[in-house]
C-alpha atoms as a PDB file:
ATOM      1  CA  UNK A   1     163.614-156.554 -46.918  1.00  0.00           C
ATOM      2  CA  UNK A   2     164.122-155.876 -50.615  1.00  0.00           C
ATOM      3  CA  UNK A   3     166.475-152.981 -49.843  1.00  0.00           C
ATOM      4  CA  UNK A   4     168.447-155.096 -47.374  1.00  0.00           C
ATOM      5  CA  UNK A   5     168.702-157.985 -49.835  1.00  0.00           C
ATOM      6  CA  UNK A   6     169.944-155.594 -52.519  1.00  0.00           C
ATOM      7  CA  UNK A   7     172.522-154.118 -50.155  1.00  0.00           C
ATOM      8  CA  UNK A   8     173.725-157.599 -49.224  1.00  0.00           C
ATOM      9  CA  UNK A   9     174.027-158.436 -52.938  1.00  0.00           C
ATOM     10  CA  UNK A  10     176.453-155.527 -53.341  1.00  0.00           C
ATOM     11  CA  UNK A  11     178.933-157.580 -51.233  1.00  0.00           C
ATOM     12  CA  UNK A  12     180.550-154.543 -49.630  1.00  0.00           C
ATOM     13  CA  UNK A  13     182.811-155.097 -46.615  1.00  0.00           C
ATOM     14  CA  UNK A  14     181.295-154.322 -43.194  1.00  0.00           C
ATOM     15  CA  UNK A  15     178.170-152.842 -44.772  1.00  0.00           C
ATOM     16  CA  UNK A  16     175.191-151.315 -42.962  1.00  0.00           C
ATOM     17  CA  UNK A  17     172.109-149.310 -43.949  1.00  0.00           C
ATOM     18  CA  UNK A  18     171.368-146.561 -41.508  1.00  0.00           C
ATOM     19  CA  UNK A  19     170.480-143.000 -40.684  1.00  0.00           C
ATOM     20  CA  UNK A  20     167.080-141.819 -41.899  1.00  0.00           C
ATOM     21  CA  UNK A  21     166.278-145.079 -43.652  1.00  0.00           C
ATOM     22  CA  UNK A  22     165.941-146.850 -40.313  1.00  0.00           C
ATOM     23  CA  UNK A  23     165.157-143.934 -37.989  1.00  0.00           C
ATOM     24  CA  UNK A  24     162.292-142.627 -40.123  1.00  0.00           C
ATOM     25  CA  UNK A  25     160.652-146.045 -40.400  1.00  0.00           C
ATOM     26  CA  UNK A  26     160.777-146.529 -36.650  1.00  0.00           C
ATOM     27  CA  UNK A  27     159.421-143.061 -35.913  1.00  0.00           C
ATOM     28  CA  UNK A  28     156.694-143.350 -38.563  1.00  0.00           C
ATOM     29  CA  UNK A  29     155.548-146.643 -37.029  1.00  0.00           C
ATOM     30  CA  UNK A  30     155.567-145.174 -33.527  1.00  0.00           C
ATOM     31  CA  UNK A  31     153.599-142.087 -34.613  1.00  0.00           C
ATOM     32  CA  UNK A  32     151.112-144.128 -36.670  1.00  0.00           C
ATOM     33  CA  UNK A  33     152.208-142.432 -39.900  1.00  0.00           C
ATOM     34  CA  UNK A  34     151.793-144.077 -43.268  1.00  0.00           C
ATOM     35  CA  UNK A  35     155.167-145.397 -44.419  1.00  0.00           C
ATOM     36  CA  UNK A  36     156.907-142.965 -46.741  1.00  0.00           C
ATOM     37  CA  UNK A  37     159.221-144.201 -49.463  1.00  0.00           C
ATOM     38  CA  UNK A  38     162.694-143.236 -48.307  1.00  0.00           C
ATOM     39  CA  UNK A  39     164.248-140.334 -50.172  1.00  0.00           C
ATOM     40  CA  UNK A  40     167.538-142.178 -50.164  1.00  0.00           C
ATOM     41  CA  UNK A  41     169.164-145.282 -48.787  1.00  0.00           C
ATOM     42  CA  UNK A  42     172.359-144.604 -46.857  1.00  0.00           C
ATOM     43  CA  UNK A  43     174.476-147.698 -47.482  1.00  0.00           C
ATOM     44  CA  UNK A  44     177.802-147.424 -45.699  1.00  0.00           C
ATOM     45  CA  UNK A  45     180.765-149.764 -45.632  1.00  0.00           C
ATOM     46  CA  UNK A  46     184.435-149.854 -44.646  1.00  0.00           C
ATOM     47  CA  UNK A  47     187.283-150.440 -47.087  1.00  0.00           C
ATOM     48  CA  UNK A  48     190.536-148.945 -45.775  1.00  0.00           C
ATOM     49  CA  UNK A  49     192.591-149.542 -48.923  1.00  0.00           C
ATOM     50  CA  UNK A  50     190.234-147.801 -51.384  1.00  0.00           C
ATOM     51  CA  UNK A  51     189.116-144.430 -50.097  1.00  0.00           C
ATOM     52  CA  UNK A  52     188.659-142.695 -53.447  1.00  0.00           C
ATOM     53  CA  UNK A  53     185.322-140.862 -53.613  1.00  0.00           C
ATOM     54  CA  UNK A  54     185.059-141.995 -57.230  1.00  0.00           C
ATOM     55  CA  UNK A  55     184.659-145.559 -55.970  1.00  0.00           C
ATOM     56  CA  UNK A  56     181.611-144.523 -53.947  1.00  0.00           C
ATOM     57  CA  UNK A  57     180.151-142.674 -56.919  1.00  0.00           C
ATOM     58  CA  UNK A  58     180.617-145.735 -59.135  1.00  0.00           C
ATOM     59  CA  UNK A  59     179.100-148.021 -56.489  1.00  0.00           C
ATOM     60  CA  UNK A  60     176.114-145.679 -56.097  1.00  0.00           C
ATOM     61  CA  UNK A  61     175.622-145.600 -59.872  1.00  0.00           C
ATOM     62  CA  UNK A  62     175.833-149.398 -60.043  1.00  0.00           C
ATOM     63  CA  UNK A  63     173.326-149.833 -57.204  1.00  0.00           C
ATOM     64  CA  UNK A  64     170.922-147.323 -58.762  1.00  0.00           C
ATOM     65  CA  UNK A  65     171.101-149.218 -62.072  1.00  0.00           C
ATOM     66  CA  UNK A  66     170.746-152.710 -60.547  1.00  0.00           C
ATOM     67  CA  UNK A  67     168.184-151.761 -57.902  1.00  0.00           C
ATOM     68  CA  UNK A  68     166.180-148.776 -59.224  1.00  0.00           C
ATOM     69  CA  UNK A  69     163.459-149.161 -56.578  1.00  0.00           C
ATOM     70  CA  UNK A  70     165.640-147.057 -54.244  1.00  0.00           C
ATOM     71  CA  UNK A  71     167.915-144.043 -54.500  1.00  0.00           C
ATOM     72  CA  UNK A  72     171.268-145.285 -53.230  1.00  0.00           C
ATOM     73  CA  UNK A  73     173.942-143.190 -51.534  1.00  0.00           C
ATOM     74  CA  UNK A  74     176.959-145.370 -50.845  1.00  0.00           C
ATOM     75  CA  UNK A  75     179.806-144.046 -48.687  1.00  0.00           C
ATOM     76  CA  UNK A  76     183.011-145.635 -47.465  1.00  0.00           C
ATOM     77  CA  UNK A  77     183.388-144.767 -43.791  1.00  0.00           C
ATOM     78  CA  UNK A  78     187.161-145.227 -44.130  1.00  0.00           C
ATOM     79  CA  UNK A  79     187.335-141.721 -45.626  1.00  0.00           C
ATOM     80  CA  UNK A  80     184.554-139.911 -43.768  1.00  0.00           C
ATOM     81  CA  UNK A  81     186.878-138.854 -40.948  1.00  0.00           C
ATOM     82  CA  UNK A  82     188.383-136.276 -43.320  1.00  0.00           C
ATOM     83  CA  UNK A  83     185.012-134.518 -43.616  1.00  0.00           C
ATOM     84  CA  UNK A  84     184.577-134.617 -39.843  1.00  0.00           C
ATOM     85  CA  UNK A  85     188.140-133.507 -39.061  1.00  0.00           C
ATOM     86  CA  UNK A  86     188.754-136.408 -36.672  1.00  0.00           C
ATOM     87  CA  UNK A  87     191.114-139.379 -36.461  1.00  0.00           C
ATOM     88  CA  UNK A  88     190.577-142.104 -39.078  1.00  0.00           C
ATOM     89  CA  UNK A  89     187.768-144.531 -38.346  1.00  0.00           C
ATOM     90  CA  UNK A  90     188.582-148.225 -37.895  1.00  0.00           C
ATOM     91  CA  UNK A  91     185.166-149.605 -38.840  1.00  0.00           C
ATOM     92  CA  UNK A  92     181.798-148.724 -40.278  1.00  0.00           C
ATOM     93  CA  UNK A  93     180.338-148.637 -36.762  1.00  0.00           C
ATOM     94  CA  UNK A  94     182.889-146.039 -35.703  1.00  0.00           C
ATOM     95  CA  UNK A  95     181.879-143.869 -38.653  1.00  0.00           C
ATOM     96  CA  UNK A  96     178.188-144.266 -37.840  1.00  0.00           C
ATOM     97  CA  UNK A  97     178.933-143.232 -34.242  1.00  0.00           C
ATOM     98  CA  UNK A  98     179.911-139.811 -35.655  1.00  0.00           C
ATOM     99  CA  UNK A  99     176.520-139.192 -37.276  1.00  0.00           C
ATOM    100  CA  UNK A 100     174.719-136.124 -35.945  1.00  0.00           C
ATOM    101  CA  UNK A 101     172.049-137.454 -33.544  1.00  0.00           C
ATOM    102  CA  UNK A 102     171.934-140.517 -31.298  1.00  0.00           C
ATOM    103  CA  UNK A 103     168.678-141.686 -32.910  1.00  0.00           C
ATOM    104  CA  UNK A 104     170.333-141.354 -36.332  1.00  0.00           C
ATOM    105  CA  UNK A 105     173.468-143.311 -35.359  1.00  0.00           C
ATOM    106  CA  UNK A 106     171.646-146.591 -35.925  1.00  0.00           C
ATOM    107  CA  UNK A 107     171.860-149.167 -38.686  1.00  0.00           C
ATOM    108  CA  UNK A 108     170.569-152.497 -39.922  1.00  0.00           C
ATOM    109  CA  UNK A 109     171.838-155.274 -42.175  1.00  0.00           C
ATOM    110  CA  UNK A 110     171.336-158.894 -43.067  1.00  0.00           C
ATOM    111  CA  UNK A 111     173.924-161.183 -41.545  1.00  0.00           C
ATOM    112  CA  UNK A 112     175.546-164.099 -43.381  1.00  0.00           C
ATOM    113  CA  UNK A 113     172.509-166.262 -42.505  1.00  0.00           C
ATOM    114  CA  UNK A 114     170.004-163.698 -43.796  1.00  0.00           C
ATOM    115  CA  UNK A 115     168.896-162.626 -40.308  1.00  0.00           C
ATOM    116  CA  UNK A 116     168.454-158.994 -39.298  1.00  0.00           C
ATOM    117  CA  UNK A 117     171.301-157.450 -37.355  1.00  0.00           C
ATOM    118  CA  UNK A 118     170.980-154.044 -35.666  1.00  0.00           C
ATOM    119  CA  UNK A 119     173.603-151.507 -34.643  1.00  0.00           C
ATOM    120  CA  UNK A 120     172.787-148.901 -31.991  1.00  0.00           C
ATOM    121  CA  UNK A 121     175.908-146.804 -31.380  1.00  0.00           C
ATOM    122  CA  UNK A 122     174.292-145.083 -28.368  1.00  0.00           C
ATOM    123  CA  UNK A 123     171.686-147.661 -27.460  1.00  0.00           C
ATOM    124  CA  UNK A 124     168.127-147.804 -28.755  1.00  0.00           C
ATOM    125  CA  UNK A 125     166.409-145.659 -26.094  1.00  0.00           C
ATOM    126  CA  UNK A 126     166.483-142.313 -27.931  1.00  0.00           C
ATOM    127  CA  UNK A 127     165.261-143.930 -31.136  1.00  0.00           C
ATOM    128  CA  UNK A 128     162.420-145.737 -29.371  1.00  0.00           C
ATOM    129  CA  UNK A 129     161.554-142.806 -27.085  1.00  0.00           C
ATOM    130  CA  UNK A 130     161.398-140.326 -30.005  1.00  0.00           C
ATOM    131  CA  UNK A 131     164.268-138.231 -28.643  1.00  0.00           C
ATOM    132  CA  UNK A 132     166.538-136.040 -30.759  1.00  0.00           C
ATOM    133  CA  UNK A 133     169.854-135.564 -28.990  1.00  0.00           C
ATOM    134  CA  UNK A 134     173.207-134.564 -30.492  1.00  0.00           C
ATOM    135  CA  UNK A 135     175.970-137.143 -30.493  1.00  0.00           C
ATOM    136  CA  UNK A 136     178.968-136.599 -28.235  1.00  0.00           C
ATOM    137  CA  UNK A 137     182.173-138.273 -29.416  1.00  0.00           C
ATOM    138  CA  UNK A 138     185.489-137.964 -27.579  1.00  0.00           C
ATOM    139  CA  UNK A 139     184.066-135.137 -25.463  1.00  0.00           C
ATOM    140  CA  UNK A 140     182.888-133.082 -28.456  1.00  0.00           C
ATOM    141  CA  UNK A 141     179.143-132.620 -28.968  1.00  0.00           C
ATOM    142  CA  UNK A 142     177.683-131.993 -32.410  1.00  0.00           C
ATOM    143  CA  UNK A 143     176.936-128.278 -32.809  1.00  0.00           C
ATOM    144  CA  UNK A 144     173.505-127.253 -31.572  1.00  0.00           C
ATOM    145  CA  UNK A 145     172.841-125.140 -34.679  1.00  0.00           C
ATOM    146  CA  UNK A 146     173.543-128.143 -36.920  1.00  0.00           C
ATOM    147  CA  UNK A 147     170.975-130.278 -35.073  1.00  0.00           C
ATOM    148  CA  UNK A 148     168.430-127.432 -35.036  1.00  0.00           C
ATOM    149  CA  UNK A 149     168.919-126.854 -38.775  1.00  0.00           C
ATOM    150  CA  UNK A 150     168.393-130.558 -39.513  1.00  0.00           C
ATOM    151  CA  UNK A 151     165.205-130.613 -37.421  1.00  0.00           C
ATOM    152  CA  UNK A 152     163.899-127.514 -39.214  1.00  0.00           C
ATOM    153  CA  UNK A 153     165.011-128.344 -42.779  1.00  0.00           C
ATOM    154  CA  UNK A 154     163.778-131.930 -42.607  1.00  0.00           C
ATOM    155  CA  UNK A 155     160.537-130.796 -40.887  1.00  0.00           C
ATOM    156  CA  UNK A 156     160.849-133.434 -38.218  1.00  0.00           C
ATOM    157  CA  UNK A 157     158.466-131.791 -35.742  1.00  0.00           C
ATOM    158  CA  UNK A 158     155.757-131.606 -38.401  1.00  0.00           C
ATOM    159  CA  UNK A 159     156.171-135.252 -39.349  1.00  0.00           C
ATOM    160  CA  UNK A 160     156.710-136.541 -35.797  1.00  0.00           C
ATOM    161  CA  UNK A 161     155.014-134.117 -33.376  1.00  0.00           C
ATOM    162  CA  UNK A 162     155.811-136.299 -30.365  1.00  0.00           C
ATOM    163  CA  UNK A 163     159.560-135.840 -30.773  1.00  0.00           C
ATOM    164  CA  UNK A 164     161.414-134.511 -27.767  1.00  0.00           C
ATOM    165  CA  UNK A 165     164.418-132.352 -28.620  1.00  0.00           C
ATOM    166  CA  UNK A 166     167.206-132.370 -26.042  1.00  0.00           C
ATOM    167  CA  UNK A 167     169.977-129.988 -26.915  1.00  0.00           C
END
């Protein structure tokens, strides 16, 4: 909750924390693994009128100074379409929907009342069933070699041996 409270304190528009921060915690709990301190916190937001990468760098620096208990990576989803070579996103959720795997395209935040709010771009089944499946957006599926490389480089099958990979 400390990470979520810190993210909320940043007051970024349409913010969410997602990717490995949430996925890894769910999978660790399901596999009975001891919780591992996240390598980084993926805090994403949407601000269409300020897409300069320098803004994200400054926000990340500010978060890392104010909240040193986590390693913050802050990215404006309003500019991430350029990296992906797709049409501009209209929201943070649309950017998250372009993340590599369905179980990774998930996020969490605190709402205005301090209650947990979850975002599952492709439903929660793959996350909860320990399934790795590439995302398909607008008829295009994430490249198989990209998903395989992520599984290998991040050592997912060693950490979560019950994962099912569906490519």
